[in-house]
Protein backbone atom coordinates (compact mmCIF):
# COMPACT_ATOMS: atom_id res chain seq x y z
CA MET A 1 9.45 -15.02 21.22
CA SER A 2 7.95 -14.57 24.34
CA ALA A 3 7.17 -17.05 26.82
CA HIS A 4 3.51 -16.50 25.61
CA PHE A 5 3.19 -16.82 21.86
CA ASP A 6 5.43 -18.07 18.85
CA LEU A 7 6.63 -16.90 15.76
CA ARG A 8 5.96 -19.15 12.78
CA PRO A 9 4.92 -18.54 8.82
CA LEU A 10 1.17 -17.53 7.62
CA VAL A 11 -0.23 -20.26 5.50
CA ALA A 12 -3.06 -20.85 3.99
CA ALA A 13 -5.35 -22.30 6.50
CA ASP A 14 -4.99 -19.23 8.90
CA HIS A 15 -6.39 -17.02 5.65
CA GLU A 16 -9.89 -16.85 7.50
CA ALA A 17 -8.53 -15.83 11.23
CA THR A 18 -6.08 -13.39 9.36
CA ALA A 19 -8.81 -12.03 7.99
CA ARG A 20 -11.45 -11.83 11.01
CA LEU A 21 -7.52 -10.00 12.92
CA LEU A 22 -7.14 -7.22 11.00
CA HIS A 23 -10.53 -6.38 10.47
CA ARG A 24 -10.99 -6.32 14.52
CA SER A 25 -7.49 -5.07 15.23
CA LEU A 26 -8.09 -1.89 12.66
CA VAL A 27 -12.21 -2.07 14.09
CA HIS A 28 -10.96 -1.53 17.88
CA TRP A 29 -8.18 0.51 17.44
CA TYR A 30 -9.34 3.51 15.26
CA GLN A 31 -13.31 3.17 17.27
CA SER A 32 -11.36 2.85 20.94
CA HIS A 33 -9.09 6.15 19.59
CA LEU A 34 -11.36 8.02 17.18
CA GLY A 35 -14.81 6.67 17.38
CA GLN A 36 -14.31 5.77 13.70
CA GLY A 37 -14.74 1.93 13.75
CA ALA A 38 -17.20 1.82 11.21
CA ARG A 39 -15.30 2.99 8.76
CA PHE A 40 -14.09 -0.15 7.99
CA GLY A 41 -17.46 -1.86 8.19
CA PRO A 42 -19.61 -4.29 9.92
CA SER A 43 -17.74 -7.75 8.35
CA HIS A 44 -14.34 -9.46 7.99
CA GLU A 45 -15.45 -11.03 4.05
CA PRO A 46 -13.47 -8.13 2.79
CA PHE A 47 -10.37 -8.44 4.41
CA ARG A 48 -10.49 -11.90 2.90
CA LEU A 49 -8.71 -10.22 -0.35
CA PHE A 50 -5.32 -8.66 2.17
CA PRO A 51 -3.31 -12.50 2.65
CA ALA A 52 -5.35 -14.06 -0.69
CA VAL A 53 -2.80 -11.40 -2.40
CA TYR A 54 0.21 -11.67 -0.13
CA ALA A 55 0.08 -15.30 -0.53
CA GLU A 56 0.49 -14.87 -4.15
CA LEU A 57 2.68 -12.14 -4.54
CA ASP A 58 5.20 -13.32 -1.70
CA ARG A 59 4.36 -16.68 -1.23
CA GLY A 60 6.64 -17.90 2.12
CA HIS A 61 7.41 -14.20 3.98
CA ALA A 62 4.20 -13.81 5.45
CA MET A 63 4.38 -13.95 9.62
CA ALA A 64 2.15 -15.24 12.16
CA ALA A 65 2.54 -14.99 15.93
CA CYS A 66 0.27 -17.66 17.55
CA ASP A 67 -0.64 -17.77 21.66
CA ARG A 68 1.64 -20.90 22.92
CA ALA A 69 -1.26 -22.45 24.46
CA SER A 70 -4.48 -22.23 22.52
CA GLY A 71 -2.60 -21.39 19.16
CA GLU A 72 -4.48 -18.29 18.30
CA LEU A 73 -3.79 -16.05 15.57
CA LEU A 74 -2.61 -13.17 17.83
CA GLY A 75 -1.06 -11.17 15.24
CA VAL A 76 0.42 -10.99 11.37
CA CYS A 77 3.38 -8.99 9.43
CA PHE A 78 3.33 -8.99 6.50
CA VAL A 79 6.91 -8.84 4.41
CA HIS A 80 8.13 -8.04 0.71
CA PRO A 81 11.64 -8.61 -0.09
CA ARG A 82 13.26 -7.05 -3.38
CA LYS A 83 16.22 -6.62 -4.74
CA THR A 84 17.27 -2.92 -3.29
CA HIS A 85 14.74 -2.85 0.13
CA VAL A 86 12.21 -4.66 2.10
CA ALA A 87 8.79 -3.36 2.05
CA VAL A 88 7.05 -4.39 5.46
CA GLY A 89 2.76 -4.09 4.72
CA ILE A 90 0.44 -4.89 7.34
CA VAL A 91 1.22 -5.63 11.00
CA ALA A 92 -1.62 -5.95 12.84
CA THR A 93 -2.49 -7.18 16.43
CA ALA A 94 -5.31 -8.67 17.83
CA PRO A 95 -6.98 -6.49 20.27
CA GLU A 96 -6.33 -8.89 23.21
CA ALA A 97 -2.73 -9.01 22.33
CA GLN A 98 -1.79 -5.41 22.16
CA GLY A 99 1.03 -4.40 25.03
CA ARG A 100 2.44 -7.96 24.69
CA GLY A 101 5.47 -7.30 22.39
CA VAL A 102 3.51 -9.18 19.28
CA ALA A 103 4.29 -5.97 16.55
CA ARG A 104 8.00 -5.98 17.62
CA ALA A 105 8.89 -9.95 18.08
CA MET A 106 7.13 -10.08 14.05
CA LEU A 107 9.57 -7.24 13.37
CA THR A 108 12.47 -8.12 14.87
CA PRO A 109 13.85 -10.95 12.46
CA VAL A 110 12.87 -9.11 9.33
CA ILE A 111 15.06 -6.42 10.26
CA ALA A 112 17.64 -8.52 11.54
CA GLN A 113 17.52 -9.98 8.33
CA ALA A 114 17.57 -6.94 6.19
CA ARG A 115 20.57 -6.18 7.88
CA ARG A 116 22.23 -9.58 7.04
CA ASP A 117 21.34 -8.46 3.50
CA GLN A 118 22.51 -5.13 4.13
CA LEU A 119 18.95 -3.82 2.19
CA PRO A 120 17.49 -0.93 3.65
CA VAL A 121 13.09 -1.54 4.79
CA ARG A 122 10.72 0.60 4.03
CA LEU A 123 7.13 1.00 5.21
CA VAL A 124 3.96 3.71 4.93
CA SER A 125 2.26 4.18 8.42
CA SER A 126 -1.00 5.84 9.58
CA LEU A 127 0.43 9.26 11.56
CA LEU A 128 -3.04 8.75 13.12
CA ASN A 129 -2.07 5.79 14.78
CA LEU A 130 0.46 6.93 16.85
CA ASP A 131 1.22 4.12 19.15
CA SER A 132 2.45 1.98 15.74
CA PHE A 133 4.04 5.33 14.38
CA SER A 134 6.49 5.26 17.95
CA LEU A 135 6.62 1.71 17.29
CA TYR A 136 8.53 2.21 13.99
CA SER A 137 10.68 5.68 15.62
CA ARG A 138 11.85 3.37 18.40
CA LEU A 139 12.97 0.88 15.51
CA GLY A 140 15.05 3.27 13.81
CA PHE A 141 13.01 3.79 11.16
CA VAL A 142 12.76 7.67 9.69
CA PRO A 143 9.92 9.33 7.97
CA HIS A 144 10.79 10.93 5.23
CA THR A 145 7.75 11.86 2.61
CA LEU A 146 4.34 12.85 3.52
CA TYR A 147 0.74 11.43 1.87
CA GLN A 148 -2.52 13.02 2.02
CA ASP A 149 -4.89 10.14 2.14
CA LEU A 150 -7.84 11.39 -0.59
CA THR A 151 -11.51 9.51 -1.66
CA LEU A 152 -13.35 10.97 -3.75
CA ALA A 153 -16.87 9.64 -4.57
CA VAL A 154 -16.84 9.62 -8.89
CA PRO A 155 -19.82 10.74 -10.61
CA THR A 156 -21.22 8.58 -12.77
CA THR A 157 -21.52 11.33 -15.68
CA GLY A 158 -17.58 11.82 -14.72
CA LEU A 159 -15.45 14.18 -13.45
CA PRO A 160 -16.17 17.59 -13.55
CA GLY A 161 -14.69 20.07 -16.04
CA PRO A 162 -12.24 19.16 -18.85
CA ALA A 163 -10.07 16.41 -19.30
CA PRO A 164 -6.46 17.54 -18.09
CA THR A 165 -3.56 17.41 -20.81
CA ASP A 166 -2.59 14.50 -22.22
CA ALA A 167 -5.26 12.11 -20.09
CA ASN A 168 -6.04 11.04 -23.89
CA ARG A 169 -2.60 9.41 -24.13
CA VAL A 170 -2.82 7.14 -20.90
CA ARG A 171 -3.47 3.56 -22.37
CA LEU A 172 -3.91 0.61 -20.13
CA VAL A 173 -1.36 -2.25 -20.57
CA THR A 174 -2.11 -6.31 -20.10
CA ASP A 175 1.37 -7.43 -21.33
CA LEU A 176 3.52 -9.40 -18.73
CA LYS A 177 6.76 -7.68 -20.18
CA GLU A 178 5.84 -4.36 -19.25
CA ALA A 179 6.20 -5.69 -16.04
CA ALA A 180 10.29 -4.81 -16.47
CA ARG A 181 9.89 -1.30 -18.59
CA LEU A 182 7.65 -0.43 -15.13
CA ALA A 183 10.83 -1.83 -12.65
CA ALA A 184 13.11 0.11 -14.41
CA PHE A 185 11.79 3.20 -14.88
CA GLU A 186 10.45 3.46 -11.32
CA LEU A 187 14.19 2.05 -10.24
CA LYS A 188 15.55 5.21 -12.29
CA LEU A 189 13.47 7.83 -10.47
CA HIS A 190 12.83 6.36 -6.88
CA GLY A 191 15.75 4.27 -7.02
CA LEU A 192 13.24 1.43 -6.23
CA HIS A 193 13.16 -2.26 -8.19
CA ARG A 194 9.74 -3.93 -7.74
CA GLU A 195 9.46 -5.95 -10.81
CA PRO A 196 7.11 -8.82 -9.29
CA ASP A 197 4.79 -6.54 -7.96
CA TYR A 198 4.17 -5.18 -11.36
CA ALA A 199 4.49 -8.70 -12.75
CA PHE A 200 2.00 -9.62 -10.26
CA PHE A 201 -0.60 -6.93 -11.37
CA LEU A 202 -0.36 -7.81 -15.58
CA ARG A 203 -0.68 -11.35 -14.33
CA ASN A 204 -4.26 -9.91 -13.07
CA GLN A 205 -5.21 -13.69 -11.31
CA VAL A 206 -5.63 -12.88 -7.57
CA GLY A 207 -7.53 -9.11 -7.14
CA ASP A 208 -8.95 -7.14 -10.14
CA TRP A 209 -6.31 -4.54 -11.20
CA ARG A 210 -5.64 -2.50 -14.11
CA VAL A 211 -2.21 -0.92 -14.85
CA SER A 212 -2.20 2.59 -17.27
CA VAL A 213 0.83 4.20 -18.87
CA LEU A 214 1.68 7.12 -19.86
CA GLU A 215 4.32 7.94 -22.67
CA ASP A 216 5.47 11.26 -24.63
CA ALA A 217 5.10 12.25 -27.97
CA HIS A 218 8.27 9.55 -28.36
CA GLY A 219 6.67 6.57 -26.33
CA THR A 220 9.24 7.06 -23.83
CA LEU A 221 7.62 5.91 -20.35
CA THR A 222 6.82 9.09 -18.29
CA GLY A 223 4.44 7.54 -15.21
CA PHE A 224 2.38 5.01 -14.69
CA LEU A 225 -0.81 3.60 -12.20
CA VAL A 226 -2.17 0.42 -10.63
CA ALA A 227 -5.89 1.43 -9.72
CA SER A 228 -7.74 -1.84 -7.63
CA HIS A 229 -11.23 -2.84 -9.36
CA HIS A 230 -12.26 -5.33 -5.72
CA PRO A 231 -14.84 -4.35 -4.48
CA SER A 232 -13.09 -5.15 -1.41
CA CYS A 233 -10.69 -2.90 -2.24
CA VAL A 234 -11.21 0.27 -4.93
CA MET A 235 -8.22 2.40 -4.31
CA LEU A 236 -5.50 4.18 -6.56
CA GLY A 237 -1.26 2.83 -6.85
CA PRO A 238 1.27 2.29 -6.87
CA GLY A 239 1.69 4.59 -9.57
CA VAL A 240 5.04 6.58 -10.09
CA ALA A 241 4.98 10.20 -12.54
CA ARG A 242 8.04 11.88 -13.23
CA ASP A 243 6.10 15.24 -12.53
CA GLU A 244 2.74 16.85 -11.10
CA ALA A 245 1.06 17.14 -14.83
CA VAL A 246 1.86 13.80 -15.51
CA ALA A 247 0.07 12.11 -12.58
CA VAL A 248 -3.05 14.65 -12.74
CA ALA A 249 -3.64 13.07 -16.57
CA LEU A 250 -2.80 9.46 -14.96
CA LEU A 251 -5.11 10.32 -12.01
CA TRP A 252 -7.71 11.68 -13.87
CA SER A 253 -8.01 8.56 -16.27
CA ALA A 254 -7.71 6.15 -13.44
CA LEU A 255 -10.52 7.93 -12.24
CA ASP A 256 -12.88 8.08 -14.58
CA ALA A 257 -12.40 4.42 -15.04
CA MET A 258 -14.51 4.07 -11.64
CA ARG A 259 -17.52 5.96 -12.41
CA GLY A 260 -20.20 5.34 -9.82
CA SER A 261 -17.24 4.31 -7.39
CA SER A 262 -15.43 6.60 -4.15
CA PRO A 263 -11.69 4.94 -4.83
CA VAL A 264 -9.05 5.93 -2.48
CA PHE A 265 -5.51 6.65 -3.24
CA LEU A 266 -2.37 8.33 -1.21
CA VAL A 267 -0.51 12.04 -2.44
CA PRO A 268 2.03 13.48 -1.64
CA CYS A 269 1.60 16.27 0.51
CA ALA A 270 4.72 18.41 -1.41
CA ALA A 271 2.72 18.20 -4.90
CA ALA A 272 0.35 21.19 -4.16
CA ALA A 273 -1.12 21.58 -7.91
CA LEU A 274 -2.57 17.66 -7.81
CA ILE A 275 -3.61 18.07 -4.10
CA ARG A 276 -5.69 21.70 -5.75
CA GLN A 277 -6.66 19.80 -8.93
CA CYS A 278 -8.32 16.70 -6.53
CA TYR A 279 -9.87 18.83 -4.16
CA VAL A 280 -11.56 20.91 -7.25
CA TRP A 281 -13.03 16.87 -8.54
CA GLY A 282 -14.39 16.82 -5.08
CA ALA A 283 -11.65 14.86 -2.86
CA ARG A 284 -11.83 15.21 0.65
CA ASN A 285 -9.10 14.13 3.05
CA VAL A 286 -9.37 10.92 4.95
CA GLU A 287 -6.02 10.15 6.76
CA LEU A 288 -2.34 11.12 6.57
CA HIS A 289 0.38 8.40 6.23
CA ALA A 290 4.71 9.10 6.36
CA ALA A 291 6.96 6.63 4.37
CA GLN A 292 9.69 5.59 6.75
CA THR A 293 12.80 3.90 6.16
CA LEU A 294 15.14 2.10 8.23
CA GLY A 295 18.57 2.69 6.46
CA PRO A 296 19.76 4.44 3.17
CA ILE A 297 17.02 6.71 2.00
CA PRO A 298 17.65 6.86 -2.06
CA PRO A 299 16.94 10.19 -3.73
CA ALA A 300 13.90 10.21 -5.69
CA ARG A 301 12.28 12.51 -8.70
CA GLY A 302 9.22 12.87 -9.21
CA LEU A 303 6.58 11.65 -7.12
CA SER A 304 4.82 8.57 -6.24
CA PHE A 305 1.25 6.97 -4.96
CA PRO A 306 1.73 4.45 -2.31
CA THR A 307 -0.88 1.72 -2.14
CA PHE A 308 -2.47 -0.04 0.68
CA LEU A 309 -2.98 -3.54 -1.09
CA PRO A 310 -0.09 -4.83 -1.45
CA GLU A 311 1.59 -1.62 0.91
CA SER A 312 4.37 -0.23 -0.84
CA GLY A 313 6.94 2.06 0.96
């Protein structure tokens, strides 16, 4: 805490103010630093989805920083405690409160609790926003994986060229029992356990989610990918794939189901063949992000598709 603001849990009554703050914060930073504020649109209304999703997924774990005199919301921080780690989602500060230590103050108790629980803290941050990147670096976070942010205007006639090998094996799942299988697969490949996230997507009560899986001829899971079809956030992820061939099949299937839309998705920079295929389909670069961890980084096999909603490190 400081002499100017207090920290408290974010509550349902804060959702409208949270949506406004998220929109103002993004527009202000991207416009003042890059002249790209217009990319987030003129209205805060699409951002109402964010606090609604986080309240359902991790109720009681989001934090608010409020002006001590007026009670005005100055910052928000979304937190996702899991068995293997603590994930930090969106951290946003009102433009008028920047430089007052709001973001650091919100992160400090999160990091302290993770240390008491002996868990690493993970996040994904924009490499365009060097202010936030520098803050995380000062707090001890270490980058370990780079991602290209891609967007693709999917033609109404579908992606160009033939469907990739095994794309016909990709299928949608809706059974809540699949959450444990998806979580076990990610734990095996990446050392992370996020069963609550996958149960949230499969329940599909807040937002509009589709969960696809790919299995080999023996029925063994080789990858999965979540897609958000909500008009406020058309994007792909999270997802995990055994290899790039699996990732190509999952991605093609998810994009084909979004004909006429322009989803955003994150692809590991090291997945060169996958990225080349995305370019063939018509994808273009939007931004770069880095996965960062405070604490031990578990060894990973295969590749992952992080996402912004809910953010996954």
